[in-house]
Amino acid sequence: MAAASLLALLDDIATVLDDVALMTRTAAKETAGIVGDDLAVNAEQLTGMRAARELPVVWAVAKGSFVNKLILVPAALVLAAFAPWAILPLMVVGTLAMFTVGGGILTHAWPALHHATEAMTGGLPSAAAGAVGLFADLVVGAIAGVVVLTVFALIARLRGGRRGSAPEQG
C-alpha cells in the first residue's frame, strides 16, 4: 500500500516536472532574443532614502547590470554557438530554482505553510529535514507558478491571442 502511494506520488512529481519543462520550452520560444534588464529600481525601494543617496544607489545598480550583461551576454552567445543542446536543460534547472526560491518565500510568508513544513520535518535527521523542506518549497513554488501561468494563458485567450502566446501590450 505504501509502495503504491509512493509510486503514485513519484508519478505526480514526474508529471509536474514534465509540465515545467513544457512551460519552460514555451516561455523560451516566447521570449527568444529578449535580455531582461535587471535595473528594476522603483520608488518603493527608495522610499525613506535621502535624495542625495538615491543617485548613488541607481548608479550602483546600473553598474551591476552592466557587469552582468558584460558576462552573461557573451556567455549566452558562446553557449548558443557551441552547446545549443544545453540551453533547454539549463532553462529547466533555472526554472526549478526560481520555483524553489519562490516557494521558500511563500512557505515562510504564510505561517500555516511554514508550520506544516516544520511539522513534516520535525522528527527527521537534519539532512533529510533539509531535503524535505526544499522539496516542499519546490512544490509550493511549482503550484504558484502553475497558477500564474494559467492566469497568463487565460488572459491571453480572453484577449484573443493564440494558445501559448503572450498577451498583446496596449
N, C-alpha and C. Protein backbone atom coordinates (compact mmCIF):
# COMPACT_ATOMS: atom_id res chain seq x y z
N MET A 1 0.83 -1.20 0.00
CA MET A 1 0.00 0.00 0.00
C MET A 1 0.86 1.25 0.00
N ALA A 2 1.88 1.28 0.88
CA ALA A 2 2.76 2.45 0.95
C ALA A 2 3.58 2.57 -0.33
N ALA A 3 3.99 1.43 -0.89
CA ALA A 3 4.77 1.47 -2.13
C ALA A 3 3.93 2.03 -3.28
N ALA A 4 2.67 1.64 -3.33
CA ALA A 4 1.79 2.16 -4.38
C ALA A 4 1.59 3.67 -4.22
N SER A 5 1.44 4.11 -2.98
CA SER A 5 1.28 5.55 -2.74
C SER A 5 2.54 6.31 -3.13
N LEU A 6 3.70 5.73 -2.81
CA LEU A 6 4.97 6.37 -3.16
C LEU A 6 5.12 6.44 -4.68
N LEU A 7 4.77 5.36 -5.37
CA LEU A 7 4.85 5.37 -6.83
C LEU A 7 3.88 6.38 -7.44
N ALA A 8 2.69 6.49 -6.86
CA ALA A 8 1.72 7.48 -7.35
C ALA A 8 2.25 8.89 -7.14
N LEU A 9 2.88 9.13 -5.97
CA LEU A 9 3.47 10.44 -5.71
C LEU A 9 4.59 10.74 -6.69
N LEU A 10 5.47 9.76 -6.93
CA LEU A 10 6.57 9.95 -7.88
C LEU A 10 6.04 10.19 -9.30
N ASP A 11 4.95 9.51 -9.66
CA ASP A 11 4.34 9.74 -10.96
C ASP A 11 3.80 11.16 -11.07
N ASP A 12 3.15 11.63 -9.99
CA ASP A 12 2.65 13.01 -9.97
C ASP A 12 3.79 14.01 -10.09
N ILE A 13 4.89 13.75 -9.39
CA ILE A 13 6.05 14.64 -9.46
C ILE A 13 6.62 14.66 -10.87
N ALA A 14 6.73 13.50 -11.48
CA ALA A 14 7.24 13.43 -12.86
C ALA A 14 6.33 14.19 -13.81
N THR A 15 5.02 14.10 -13.60
CA THR A 15 4.08 14.84 -14.43
C THR A 15 4.26 16.34 -14.26
N VAL A 16 4.43 16.79 -13.01
CA VAL A 16 4.64 18.22 -12.76
C VAL A 16 5.94 18.69 -13.41
N LEU A 17 7.01 17.91 -13.26
CA LEU A 17 8.29 18.28 -13.86
C LEU A 17 8.21 18.29 -15.39
N ASP A 18 7.43 17.37 -15.96
CA ASP A 18 7.22 17.37 -17.40
C ASP A 18 6.49 18.65 -17.83
N ASP A 19 5.48 19.04 -17.03
CA ASP A 19 4.76 20.29 -17.32
C ASP A 19 5.69 21.50 -17.21
N VAL A 20 6.58 21.47 -16.20
CA VAL A 20 7.54 22.57 -16.03
C VAL A 20 8.45 22.66 -17.26
N ALA A 21 8.92 21.51 -17.73
CA ALA A 21 9.78 21.51 -18.92
C ALA A 21 9.04 22.05 -20.14
N LEU A 22 7.79 21.65 -20.30
CA LEU A 22 6.98 22.14 -21.42
C LEU A 22 6.74 23.64 -21.32
N MET A 23 6.43 24.12 -20.10
CA MET A 23 6.21 25.55 -19.91
C MET A 23 7.51 26.33 -20.13
N THR A 24 8.63 25.77 -19.71
CA THR A 24 9.92 26.42 -19.92
C THR A 24 10.21 26.53 -21.41
N ARG A 25 9.91 25.48 -22.14
CA ARG A 25 10.13 25.49 -23.59
C ARG A 25 9.26 26.56 -24.25
N THR A 26 7.99 26.63 -23.84
CA THR A 26 7.08 27.63 -24.38
C THR A 26 7.57 29.04 -24.04
N ALA A 27 7.98 29.23 -22.80
CA ALA A 27 8.49 30.54 -22.38
C ALA A 27 9.74 30.91 -23.17
N ALA A 28 10.59 29.92 -23.44
CA ALA A 28 11.81 30.19 -24.21
C ALA A 28 11.46 30.64 -25.62
N LYS A 29 10.47 30.00 -26.22
CA LYS A 29 10.04 30.41 -27.56
C LYS A 29 9.49 31.82 -27.55
N GLU A 30 8.68 32.11 -26.54
CA GLU A 30 8.02 33.41 -26.48
C GLU A 30 8.98 34.55 -26.18
N THR A 31 10.07 34.25 -25.50
CA THR A 31 10.98 35.32 -25.09
C THR A 31 12.32 35.25 -25.79
N ALA A 32 12.40 34.51 -26.86
CA ALA A 32 13.68 34.36 -27.56
C ALA A 32 14.21 35.73 -27.98
N GLY A 33 15.46 35.94 -27.69
CA GLY A 33 16.10 37.18 -28.10
C GLY A 33 15.92 38.33 -27.15
N ILE A 34 15.21 38.12 -26.06
CA ILE A 34 14.99 39.20 -25.11
C ILE A 34 15.95 39.02 -23.95
N VAL A 35 16.70 40.05 -23.66
CA VAL A 35 17.56 40.03 -22.48
C VAL A 35 16.95 41.02 -21.50
N GLY A 36 16.41 40.50 -20.41
CA GLY A 36 15.74 41.36 -19.45
C GLY A 36 16.71 42.29 -18.75
N ASP A 37 16.24 43.42 -18.38
CA ASP A 37 17.08 44.39 -17.71
C ASP A 37 16.84 44.28 -16.21
N ASP A 38 17.90 44.12 -15.47
CA ASP A 38 17.74 43.99 -14.02
C ASP A 38 17.87 45.33 -13.32
N LEU A 39 17.80 46.42 -14.07
CA LEU A 39 17.77 47.74 -13.46
C LEU A 39 16.32 48.06 -13.12
N ALA A 40 15.83 47.37 -12.08
CA ALA A 40 14.43 47.49 -11.72
C ALA A 40 14.30 48.22 -10.39
N VAL A 41 14.83 49.41 -10.34
CA VAL A 41 14.72 50.20 -9.12
C VAL A 41 13.46 51.04 -9.25
N ASN A 42 12.56 50.87 -8.31
CA ASN A 42 11.35 51.69 -8.36
C ASN A 42 11.25 52.53 -7.10
N ALA A 43 10.28 53.41 -7.08
CA ALA A 43 10.15 54.35 -5.97
C ALA A 43 9.94 53.63 -4.65
N GLU A 44 9.28 52.49 -4.69
CA GLU A 44 9.01 51.77 -3.46
C GLU A 44 10.30 51.34 -2.77
N GLN A 45 11.30 50.94 -3.56
CA GLN A 45 12.56 50.51 -2.99
C GLN A 45 13.36 51.69 -2.43
N LEU A 46 13.08 52.88 -2.91
CA LEU A 46 13.84 54.05 -2.49
C LEU A 46 13.10 54.91 -1.48
N THR A 47 11.95 54.45 -0.99
CA THR A 47 11.18 55.22 -0.02
C THR A 47 11.99 55.40 1.26
N GLY A 48 11.97 56.60 1.77
CA GLY A 48 12.67 56.88 3.01
C GLY A 48 14.15 57.16 2.84
N MET A 49 14.60 57.22 1.62
CA MET A 49 16.02 57.44 1.35
C MET A 49 16.23 58.92 1.02
N ARG A 50 17.33 59.46 1.51
CA ARG A 50 17.65 60.85 1.19
C ARG A 50 17.89 60.98 -0.30
N ALA A 51 17.52 62.12 -0.86
CA ALA A 51 17.69 62.35 -2.29
C ALA A 51 19.15 62.27 -2.70
N ALA A 52 20.05 62.69 -1.83
CA ALA A 52 21.48 62.65 -2.15
C ALA A 52 21.98 61.21 -2.26
N ARG A 53 21.29 60.28 -1.63
CA ARG A 53 21.70 58.87 -1.65
C ARG A 53 21.06 58.12 -2.83
N GLU A 54 20.01 58.68 -3.40
CA GLU A 54 19.25 58.00 -4.44
C GLU A 54 20.08 57.71 -5.69
N LEU A 55 20.75 58.73 -6.22
CA LEU A 55 21.54 58.53 -7.44
C LEU A 55 22.68 57.54 -7.27
N PRO A 56 23.42 57.56 -6.16
CA PRO A 56 24.45 56.53 -5.99
C PRO A 56 23.88 55.10 -5.99
N VAL A 57 22.69 54.94 -5.43
CA VAL A 57 22.07 53.61 -5.44
C VAL A 57 21.71 53.21 -6.87
N VAL A 58 21.11 54.11 -7.62
CA VAL A 58 20.76 53.83 -9.01
C VAL A 58 22.03 53.55 -9.81
N TRP A 59 23.09 54.32 -9.57
CA TRP A 59 24.37 54.11 -10.27
C TRP A 59 24.96 52.75 -9.94
N ALA A 60 24.90 52.35 -8.68
CA ALA A 60 25.42 51.04 -8.28
C ALA A 60 24.65 49.91 -8.96
N VAL A 61 23.32 50.05 -9.03
CA VAL A 61 22.51 49.03 -9.70
C VAL A 61 22.83 49.01 -11.19
N ALA A 62 23.00 50.19 -11.80
CA ALA A 62 23.33 50.25 -13.23
C ALA A 62 24.68 49.60 -13.51
N LYS A 63 25.67 49.85 -12.65
CA LYS A 63 26.98 49.22 -12.84
C LYS A 63 26.88 47.70 -12.72
N GLY A 64 26.12 47.24 -11.73
CA GLY A 64 25.91 45.80 -11.58
C GLY A 64 25.23 45.20 -12.79
N SER A 65 24.24 45.90 -13.32
CA SER A 65 23.53 45.45 -14.51
C SER A 65 24.48 45.35 -15.69
N PHE A 66 25.33 46.37 -15.85
CA PHE A 66 26.28 46.38 -16.96
C PHE A 66 27.27 45.22 -16.84
N VAL A 67 27.78 45.00 -15.64
CA VAL A 67 28.74 43.90 -15.44
C VAL A 67 28.07 42.56 -15.72
N ASN A 68 26.82 42.39 -15.25
CA ASN A 68 26.10 41.15 -15.53
C ASN A 68 25.96 40.92 -17.03
N LYS A 69 25.59 41.96 -17.75
CA LYS A 69 25.43 41.82 -19.19
C LYS A 69 26.77 41.61 -19.89
N LEU A 70 27.82 42.22 -19.37
CA LEU A 70 29.16 42.04 -19.93
C LEU A 70 29.60 40.58 -19.83
N ILE A 71 29.13 39.90 -18.80
CA ILE A 71 29.48 38.49 -18.60
C ILE A 71 28.44 37.58 -19.24
N LEU A 72 27.16 37.84 -18.99
CA LEU A 72 26.11 36.91 -19.38
C LEU A 72 25.82 36.89 -20.88
N VAL A 73 25.83 38.03 -21.52
CA VAL A 73 25.52 38.05 -22.96
C VAL A 73 26.58 37.28 -23.75
N PRO A 74 27.88 37.53 -23.56
CA PRO A 74 28.87 36.71 -24.28
C PRO A 74 28.78 35.23 -23.92
N ALA A 75 28.52 34.95 -22.64
CA ALA A 75 28.39 33.54 -22.24
C ALA A 75 27.20 32.89 -22.95
N ALA A 76 26.09 33.61 -23.08
CA ALA A 76 24.92 33.06 -23.77
C ALA A 76 25.22 32.85 -25.25
N LEU A 77 25.94 33.78 -25.86
CA LEU A 77 26.29 33.64 -27.28
C LEU A 77 27.22 32.44 -27.50
N VAL A 78 28.20 32.28 -26.62
CA VAL A 78 29.12 31.13 -26.72
C VAL A 78 28.35 29.84 -26.53
N LEU A 79 27.46 29.82 -25.54
CA LEU A 79 26.65 28.62 -25.29
C LEU A 79 25.78 28.30 -26.49
N ALA A 80 25.15 29.30 -27.08
CA ALA A 80 24.30 29.08 -28.25
C ALA A 80 25.11 28.59 -29.45
N ALA A 81 26.35 29.05 -29.56
CA ALA A 81 27.18 28.66 -30.70
C ALA A 81 27.76 27.26 -30.54
N PHE A 82 28.21 26.92 -29.33
CA PHE A 82 28.95 25.67 -29.16
C PHE A 82 28.19 24.56 -28.45
N ALA A 83 27.15 24.90 -27.71
CA ALA A 83 26.38 23.87 -27.00
C ALA A 83 24.91 24.24 -26.95
N PRO A 84 24.28 24.37 -28.12
CA PRO A 84 22.86 24.76 -28.11
C PRO A 84 21.96 23.73 -27.42
N TRP A 85 22.41 22.50 -27.38
CA TRP A 85 21.65 21.45 -26.72
C TRP A 85 21.56 21.69 -25.21
N ALA A 86 22.47 22.47 -24.65
CA ALA A 86 22.50 22.70 -23.20
C ALA A 86 21.55 23.81 -22.76
N ILE A 87 21.03 24.58 -23.69
CA ILE A 87 20.21 25.73 -23.31
C ILE A 87 18.92 25.30 -22.62
N LEU A 88 18.20 24.37 -23.22
CA LEU A 88 16.92 23.96 -22.63
C LEU A 88 17.10 23.32 -21.25
N PRO A 89 18.06 22.39 -21.06
CA PRO A 89 18.24 21.86 -19.70
C PRO A 89 18.61 22.93 -18.69
N LEU A 90 19.44 23.90 -19.09
CA LEU A 90 19.79 24.99 -18.18
C LEU A 90 18.57 25.84 -17.83
N MET A 91 17.70 26.05 -18.82
CA MET A 91 16.48 26.81 -18.55
C MET A 91 15.55 26.06 -17.60
N VAL A 92 15.48 24.74 -17.76
CA VAL A 92 14.65 23.94 -16.86
C VAL A 92 15.21 24.00 -15.44
N VAL A 93 16.53 23.88 -15.30
CA VAL A 93 17.15 23.96 -13.98
C VAL A 93 16.91 25.34 -13.37
N GLY A 94 17.06 26.39 -14.19
CA GLY A 94 16.80 27.74 -13.70
C GLY A 94 15.37 27.94 -13.27
N THR A 95 14.44 27.38 -14.04
CA THR A 95 13.03 27.48 -13.69
C THR A 95 12.74 26.76 -12.38
N LEU A 96 13.31 25.57 -12.21
CA LEU A 96 13.13 24.84 -10.96
C LEU A 96 13.73 25.61 -9.79
N ALA A 97 14.88 26.23 -10.02
CA ALA A 97 15.50 27.04 -8.95
C ALA A 97 14.60 28.22 -8.58
N MET A 98 14.04 28.89 -9.59
CA MET A 98 13.14 30.02 -9.30
C MET A 98 11.89 29.55 -8.58
N PHE A 99 11.33 28.40 -8.98
CA PHE A 99 10.16 27.86 -8.29
C PHE A 99 10.52 27.55 -6.84
N THR A 100 11.70 26.99 -6.61
CA THR A 100 12.11 26.63 -5.26
C THR A 100 12.29 27.88 -4.40
N VAL A 101 12.94 28.90 -4.93
CA VAL A 101 13.13 30.13 -4.17
C VAL A 101 11.78 30.81 -3.91
N GLY A 102 10.95 30.89 -4.95
CA GLY A 102 9.62 31.48 -4.77
C GLY A 102 8.78 30.70 -3.78
N GLY A 103 8.87 29.38 -3.84
CA GLY A 103 8.13 28.55 -2.89
C GLY A 103 8.63 28.75 -1.47
N GLY A 104 9.94 28.93 -1.32
CA GLY A 104 10.50 29.20 0.01
C GLY A 104 9.99 30.52 0.56
N ILE A 105 9.91 31.52 -0.31
CA ILE A 105 9.39 32.82 0.12
C ILE A 105 7.93 32.68 0.54
N LEU A 106 7.13 31.97 -0.27
CA LEU A 106 5.72 31.78 0.07
C LEU A 106 5.55 30.94 1.34
N THR A 107 6.36 29.88 1.46
CA THR A 107 6.27 29.00 2.62
C THR A 107 6.56 29.76 3.90
N HIS A 108 7.57 30.63 3.86
CA HIS A 108 7.94 31.36 5.07
C HIS A 108 7.01 32.56 5.31
N ALA A 109 6.34 33.04 4.26
CA ALA A 109 5.44 34.19 4.42
C ALA A 109 4.09 33.77 5.01
N TRP A 110 3.67 32.54 4.75
CA TRP A 110 2.39 32.07 5.27
C TRP A 110 2.64 31.15 6.45
N PRO A 111 2.25 31.59 7.64
CA PRO A 111 2.53 30.80 8.84
C PRO A 111 2.00 29.36 8.75
N ALA A 112 0.83 29.16 8.15
CA ALA A 112 0.27 27.81 8.08
C ALA A 112 1.19 26.88 7.27
N LEU A 113 1.70 27.37 6.13
CA LEU A 113 2.62 26.55 5.33
C LEU A 113 3.93 26.32 6.07
N HIS A 114 4.41 27.36 6.73
CA HIS A 114 5.66 27.24 7.48
C HIS A 114 5.54 26.20 8.58
N HIS A 115 4.43 26.25 9.34
CA HIS A 115 4.22 25.29 10.42
C HIS A 115 4.02 23.87 9.87
N ALA A 116 3.34 23.75 8.73
CA ALA A 116 3.15 22.43 8.12
C ALA A 116 4.49 21.84 7.70
N THR A 117 5.37 22.66 7.14
CA THR A 117 6.69 22.18 6.74
C THR A 117 7.50 21.78 7.97
N GLU A 118 7.43 22.58 9.02
CA GLU A 118 8.14 22.24 10.26
C GLU A 118 7.61 20.95 10.85
N ALA A 119 6.29 20.74 10.78
CA ALA A 119 5.70 19.51 11.31
C ALA A 119 6.17 18.29 10.52
N MET A 120 6.30 18.46 9.19
CA MET A 120 6.76 17.33 8.35
C MET A 120 8.20 16.97 8.65
N THR A 121 9.01 17.96 8.97
CA THR A 121 10.44 17.73 9.13
C THR A 121 10.87 17.58 10.58
N GLY A 122 9.91 17.66 11.51
CA GLY A 122 10.22 17.67 12.94
C GLY A 122 11.06 16.52 13.43
N GLY A 123 10.75 15.29 13.12
CA GLY A 123 11.46 14.15 13.65
C GLY A 123 12.54 13.60 12.75
N LEU A 124 12.83 14.27 11.67
CA LEU A 124 13.80 13.77 10.70
C LEU A 124 15.22 14.23 11.03
N PRO A 125 16.21 13.47 10.60
CA PRO A 125 17.60 13.95 10.73
C PRO A 125 17.77 15.23 9.91
N SER A 126 18.77 16.02 10.23
CA SER A 126 18.89 17.35 9.63
C SER A 126 19.01 17.31 8.10
N ALA A 127 19.75 16.35 7.55
CA ALA A 127 19.90 16.27 6.09
C ALA A 127 18.56 15.94 5.43
N ALA A 128 17.84 15.00 6.00
CA ALA A 128 16.54 14.63 5.45
C ALA A 128 15.54 15.77 5.63
N ALA A 129 15.60 16.45 6.78
CA ALA A 129 14.70 17.57 7.01
C ALA A 129 14.95 18.68 6.00
N GLY A 130 16.22 18.92 5.70
CA GLY A 130 16.55 19.93 4.70
C GLY A 130 16.03 19.56 3.33
N ALA A 131 16.17 18.29 2.97
CA ALA A 131 15.69 17.82 1.66
C ALA A 131 14.17 17.90 1.58
N VAL A 132 13.49 17.51 2.63
CA VAL A 132 12.02 17.57 2.63
C VAL A 132 11.56 19.03 2.58
N GLY A 133 12.23 19.91 3.33
CA GLY A 133 11.89 21.33 3.30
C GLY A 133 12.10 21.93 1.92
N LEU A 134 13.21 21.56 1.27
CA LEU A 134 13.50 22.04 -0.07
C LEU A 134 12.46 21.53 -1.06
N PHE A 135 12.07 20.27 -0.92
CA PHE A 135 11.06 19.70 -1.80
C PHE A 135 9.71 20.39 -1.58
N ALA A 136 9.38 20.68 -0.31
CA ALA A 136 8.12 21.39 -0.02
C ALA A 136 8.14 22.77 -0.67
N ASP A 137 9.29 23.46 -0.60
CA ASP A 137 9.42 24.76 -1.26
C ASP A 137 9.22 24.63 -2.76
N LEU A 138 9.80 23.59 -3.36
CA LEU A 138 9.65 23.37 -4.80
C LEU A 138 8.19 23.13 -5.17
N VAL A 139 7.50 22.32 -4.39
CA VAL A 139 6.10 22.02 -4.68
C VAL A 139 5.25 23.28 -4.56
N VAL A 140 5.44 24.05 -3.49
CA VAL A 140 4.67 25.28 -3.31
C VAL A 140 4.97 26.26 -4.45
N GLY A 141 6.24 26.39 -4.82
CA GLY A 141 6.62 27.28 -5.91
C GLY A 141 6.06 26.82 -7.24
N ALA A 142 6.07 25.51 -7.49
CA ALA A 142 5.53 24.98 -8.74
C ALA A 142 4.03 25.23 -8.83
N ILE A 143 3.34 25.04 -7.71
CA ILE A 143 1.90 25.29 -7.70
C ILE A 143 1.63 26.76 -7.98
N ALA A 144 2.37 27.65 -7.33
CA ALA A 144 2.20 29.08 -7.56
C ALA A 144 2.53 29.42 -9.01
N GLY A 145 3.60 28.82 -9.55
CA GLY A 145 3.96 29.06 -10.95
C GLY A 145 2.89 28.60 -11.91
N VAL A 146 2.31 27.44 -11.64
CA VAL A 146 1.24 26.92 -12.50
C VAL A 146 0.02 27.85 -12.44
N VAL A 147 -0.29 28.35 -11.25
CA VAL A 147 -1.41 29.29 -11.12
C VAL A 147 -1.15 30.55 -11.93
N VAL A 148 0.06 31.10 -11.81
CA VAL A 148 0.41 32.31 -12.55
C VAL A 148 0.35 32.06 -14.06
N LEU A 149 0.92 30.96 -14.52
CA LEU A 149 0.90 30.66 -15.95
C LEU A 149 -0.52 30.40 -16.46
N THR A 150 -1.34 29.80 -15.63
CA THR A 150 -2.73 29.57 -16.01
C THR A 150 -3.47 30.89 -16.18
N VAL A 151 -3.26 31.80 -15.24
CA VAL A 151 -3.88 33.12 -15.34
C VAL A 151 -3.37 33.85 -16.58
N PHE A 152 -2.06 33.75 -16.83
CA PHE A 152 -1.45 34.37 -18.01
C PHE A 152 -2.08 33.82 -19.29
N ALA A 153 -2.23 32.50 -19.37
CA ALA A 153 -2.83 31.88 -20.56
C ALA A 153 -4.30 32.28 -20.70
N LEU A 154 -5.01 32.36 -19.58
CA LEU A 154 -6.41 32.78 -19.62
C LEU A 154 -6.54 34.20 -20.14
N ILE A 155 -5.68 35.09 -19.66
CA ILE A 155 -5.71 36.48 -20.13
C ILE A 155 -5.41 36.53 -21.62
N ALA A 156 -4.42 35.76 -22.06
CA ALA A 156 -4.08 35.73 -23.48
C ALA A 156 -5.26 35.25 -24.31
N ARG A 157 -5.95 34.22 -23.83
CA ARG A 157 -7.10 33.70 -24.57
C ARG A 157 -8.24 34.71 -24.60
N LEU A 158 -8.47 35.39 -23.47
CA LEU A 158 -9.54 36.38 -23.42
C LEU A 158 -9.25 37.57 -24.32
N ARG A 159 -7.99 37.88 -24.51
CA ARG A 159 -7.61 38.99 -25.39
C ARG A 159 -7.54 38.55 -26.85
N GLY A 160 -7.83 37.31 -27.12
CA GLY A 160 -7.87 36.84 -28.50
C GLY A 160 -6.55 36.32 -29.01
N GLY A 161 -5.59 36.14 -28.14
CA GLY A 161 -4.29 35.61 -28.56
C GLY A 161 -4.39 34.13 -28.82
N ARG A 162 -3.42 33.61 -29.58
CA ARG A 162 -3.41 32.17 -29.81
C ARG A 162 -2.94 31.48 -28.55
N ARG A 163 -3.20 30.21 -28.44
CA ARG A 163 -2.85 29.47 -27.24
C ARG A 163 -1.34 29.50 -27.04
N GLY A 164 -0.91 29.89 -25.83
CA GLY A 164 0.50 29.92 -25.50
C GLY A 164 1.19 31.21 -25.91
N SER A 165 0.45 32.17 -26.44
CA SER A 165 1.08 33.41 -26.85
C SER A 165 0.99 34.45 -25.76
N ALA A 166 1.88 35.39 -25.80
CA ALA A 166 1.87 36.47 -24.83
C ALA A 166 0.73 37.43 -25.14
N PRO A 167 0.10 37.99 -24.10
CA PRO A 167 -0.96 38.95 -24.37
C PRO A 167 -0.35 40.19 -24.99
N GLU A 168 -1.14 40.82 -25.86
CA GLU A 168 -0.64 42.00 -26.55
C GLU A 168 -0.62 43.17 -25.58
N GLN A 169 0.43 44.00 -25.71
CA GLN A 169 0.53 45.20 -24.90
C GLN A 169 -0.33 46.27 -25.53
N GLY A 170 -1.01 47.01 -24.73
CA GLY A 170 -1.81 48.06 -25.33
C GLY A 170 -2.69 48.65 -24.36
